[in-house]
């Protein structure tokens, strides 16, 4: 099943995000991530969160992934929401 993680950064935390980015990328490389990237502010310059589409066995596994993300462990996120997701476009792999 796919899960979408919508992670909102704490205010004024771009320096923490940048300092933790390499650890975060190394961490997510070990999982079935279909899509991931930063959410940008209205000026499209400052990173203010993340969206990750993760393939996981169940919601508990998606939650465990989120709980161990170096960004979360470093205290970057103000909020993390996890939702089941069904890909429609493009058509998912068979």
C-alpha atoms as a PDB file:
ATOM      1  CA  UNK A   1       0.000   0.000   0.000  1.00  0.00           C
ATOM      2  CA  UNK A   2       1.140   3.546  -0.632  1.00  0.00           C
ATOM      3  CA  UNK A   3       1.150   6.186   2.088  1.00  0.00           C
ATOM      4  CA  UNK A   4       1.618   9.908   1.723  1.00  0.00           C
ATOM      5  CA  UNK A   5       3.537  11.649   4.490  1.00  0.00           C
ATOM      6  CA  UNK A   6       3.008  15.383   4.695  1.00  0.00           C
ATOM      7  CA  UNK A   7       5.585  16.859   7.032  1.00  0.00           C
ATOM      8  CA  UNK A   8       5.510  20.516   8.045  1.00  0.00           C
ATOM      9  CA  UNK A   9       8.687  22.090   9.384  1.00  0.00           C
ATOM     10  CA  UNK A  10       8.854  24.193  12.507  1.00  0.00           C
ATOM     11  CA  UNK A  11       9.176  27.915  11.801  1.00  0.00           C
ATOM     12  CA  UNK A  12      12.626  29.236  10.936  1.00  0.00           C
ATOM     13  CA  UNK A  13      14.181  25.778  10.719  1.00  0.00           C
ATOM     14  CA  UNK A  14      15.776  25.801   7.274  1.00  0.00           C
ATOM     15  CA  UNK A  15      19.291  25.648   8.767  1.00  0.00           C
ATOM     16  CA  UNK A  16      18.357  22.498  10.720  1.00  0.00           C
ATOM     17  CA  UNK A  17      16.860  20.999   7.546  1.00  0.00           C
ATOM     18  CA  UNK A  18      20.048  21.681   5.582  1.00  0.00           C
ATOM     19  CA  UNK A  19      22.268  20.308   8.365  1.00  0.00           C
ATOM     20  CA  UNK A  20      20.264  17.056   8.536  1.00  0.00           C
ATOM     21  CA  UNK A  21      19.553  16.593   4.818  1.00  0.00           C
ATOM     22  CA  UNK A  22      22.344  14.097   4.032  1.00  0.00           C
ATOM     23  CA  UNK A  23      21.283  11.822   6.916  1.00  0.00           C
ATOM     24  CA  UNK A  24      17.636  12.074   5.809  1.00  0.00           C
ATOM     25  CA  UNK A  25      18.495  11.146   2.206  1.00  0.00           C
ATOM     26  CA  UNK A  26      20.638   8.202   3.329  1.00  0.00           C
ATOM     27  CA  UNK A  27      17.778   7.009   5.541  1.00  0.00           C
ATOM     28  CA  UNK A  28      15.028   7.143   2.932  1.00  0.00           C
ATOM     29  CA  UNK A  29      17.254   5.417   0.356  1.00  0.00           C
ATOM     30  CA  UNK A  30      16.713   2.195   2.323  1.00  0.00           C
ATOM     31  CA  UNK A  31      12.937   2.223   1.753  1.00  0.00           C
ATOM     32  CA  UNK A  32      10.515   1.965  -1.172  1.00  0.00           C
ATOM     33  CA  UNK A  33       9.994   5.686  -1.694  1.00  0.00           C
ATOM     34  CA  UNK A  34       8.015   6.409  -4.862  1.00  0.00           C
ATOM     35  CA  UNK A  35       8.279  10.197  -4.673  1.00  0.00           C
ATOM     36  CA  UNK A  36       9.805  12.664  -2.247  1.00  0.00           C
ATOM     37  CA  UNK A  37      10.746  16.298  -2.082  1.00  0.00           C
ATOM     38  CA  UNK A  38      10.498  19.533  -0.162  1.00  0.00           C
ATOM     39  CA  UNK A  39       7.437  21.739   0.145  1.00  0.00           C
ATOM     40  CA  UNK A  40       8.400  25.323  -0.690  1.00  0.00           C
ATOM     41  CA  UNK A  41       7.127  28.640   0.640  1.00  0.00           C
ATOM     42  CA  UNK A  42       5.043  31.024  -1.486  1.00  0.00           C
ATOM     43  CA  UNK A  43       8.216  32.617  -2.895  1.00  0.00           C
ATOM     44  CA  UNK A  44       9.358  29.147  -4.006  1.00  0.00           C
ATOM     45  CA  UNK A  45      12.732  29.619  -2.310  1.00  0.00           C
ATOM     46  CA  UNK A  46      12.551  28.334   1.264  1.00  0.00           C
ATOM     47  CA  UNK A  47      11.888  24.705   2.173  1.00  0.00           C
ATOM     48  CA  UNK A  48       9.059  24.487   4.718  1.00  0.00           C
ATOM     49  CA  UNK A  49       8.248  20.784   4.759  1.00  0.00           C
ATOM     50  CA  UNK A  50       8.367  17.484   2.907  1.00  0.00           C
ATOM     51  CA  UNK A  51       6.070  15.216   0.947  1.00  0.00           C
ATOM     52  CA  UNK A  52       6.958  11.541   0.740  1.00  0.00           C
ATOM     53  CA  UNK A  53       5.012   8.822  -1.057  1.00  0.00           C
ATOM     54  CA  UNK A  54       6.107   5.597   0.577  1.00  0.00           C
ATOM     55  CA  UNK A  55       5.305   1.986  -0.220  1.00  0.00           C
ATOM     56  CA  UNK A  56       4.772   0.216   3.100  1.00  0.00           C
ATOM     57  CA  UNK A  57       3.111  -2.960   4.318  1.00  0.00           C
ATOM     58  CA  UNK A  58       0.656  -1.066   6.518  1.00  0.00           C
ATOM     59  CA  UNK A  59       0.100   2.225   8.326  1.00  0.00           C
ATOM     60  CA  UNK A  60       2.121   1.074  11.315  1.00  0.00           C
ATOM     61  CA  UNK A  61       5.137   0.536   9.045  1.00  0.00           C
ATOM     62  CA  UNK A  62       4.641   3.995   7.513  1.00  0.00           C
ATOM     63  CA  UNK A  63       4.462   5.466  11.021  1.00  0.00           C
ATOM     64  CA  UNK A  64       7.638   3.639  12.040  1.00  0.00           C
ATOM     65  CA  UNK A  65       9.380   5.041   8.951  1.00  0.00           C
ATOM     66  CA  UNK A  66       8.268   8.559   9.905  1.00  0.00           C
ATOM     67  CA  UNK A  67       9.277   8.118  13.547  1.00  0.00           C
ATOM     68  CA  UNK A  68      12.859   7.174  12.633  1.00  0.00           C
ATOM     69  CA  UNK A  69      13.400   9.799   9.927  1.00  0.00           C
ATOM     70  CA  UNK A  70      16.496  11.842  10.870  1.00  0.00           C
ATOM     71  CA  UNK A  71      14.537  15.034  10.178  1.00  0.00           C
ATOM     72  CA  UNK A  72      11.980  14.048  12.811  1.00  0.00           C
ATOM     73  CA  UNK A  73      14.622  12.847  15.266  1.00  0.00           C
ATOM     74  CA  UNK A  74      16.417  16.203  14.898  1.00  0.00           C
ATOM     75  CA  UNK A  75      13.191  18.022  15.799  1.00  0.00           C
ATOM     76  CA  UNK A  76      12.612  19.570  12.378  1.00  0.00           C
ATOM     77  CA  UNK A  77       8.930  18.750  11.999  1.00  0.00           C
ATOM     78  CA  UNK A  78       6.103  20.588  13.698  1.00  0.00           C
ATOM     79  CA  UNK A  79       3.583  18.102  12.286  1.00  0.00           C
ATOM     80  CA  UNK A  80       3.573  14.840  10.349  1.00  0.00           C
ATOM     81  CA  UNK A  81       0.361  13.545   8.760  1.00  0.00           C
ATOM     82  CA  UNK A  82       0.131  10.106   7.161  1.00  0.00           C
ATOM     83  CA  UNK A  83      -2.596   9.142   4.691  1.00  0.00           C
ATOM     84  CA  UNK A  84      -3.248   6.012   2.621  1.00  0.00           C
ATOM     85  CA  UNK A  85      -2.773   6.867  -1.054  1.00  0.00           C
ATOM     86  CA  UNK A  86      -3.960   5.282  -4.292  1.00  0.00           C
ATOM     87  CA  UNK A  87      -1.955   6.241  -7.363  1.00  0.00           C
ATOM     88  CA  UNK A  88      -4.079   6.995 -10.421  1.00  0.00           C
ATOM     89  CA  UNK A  89      -1.839   9.036 -12.763  1.00  0.00           C
ATOM     90  CA  UNK A  90       0.437   7.894 -14.155  1.00  0.00           C
ATOM     91  CA  UNK A  91      -0.913   4.387 -13.977  1.00  0.00           C
ATOM     92  CA  UNK A  92       0.981   2.444 -11.335  1.00  0.00           C
ATOM     93  CA  UNK A  93       3.319  -0.378 -12.367  1.00  0.00           C
ATOM     94  CA  UNK A  94       1.587  -3.724 -12.803  1.00  0.00           C
END
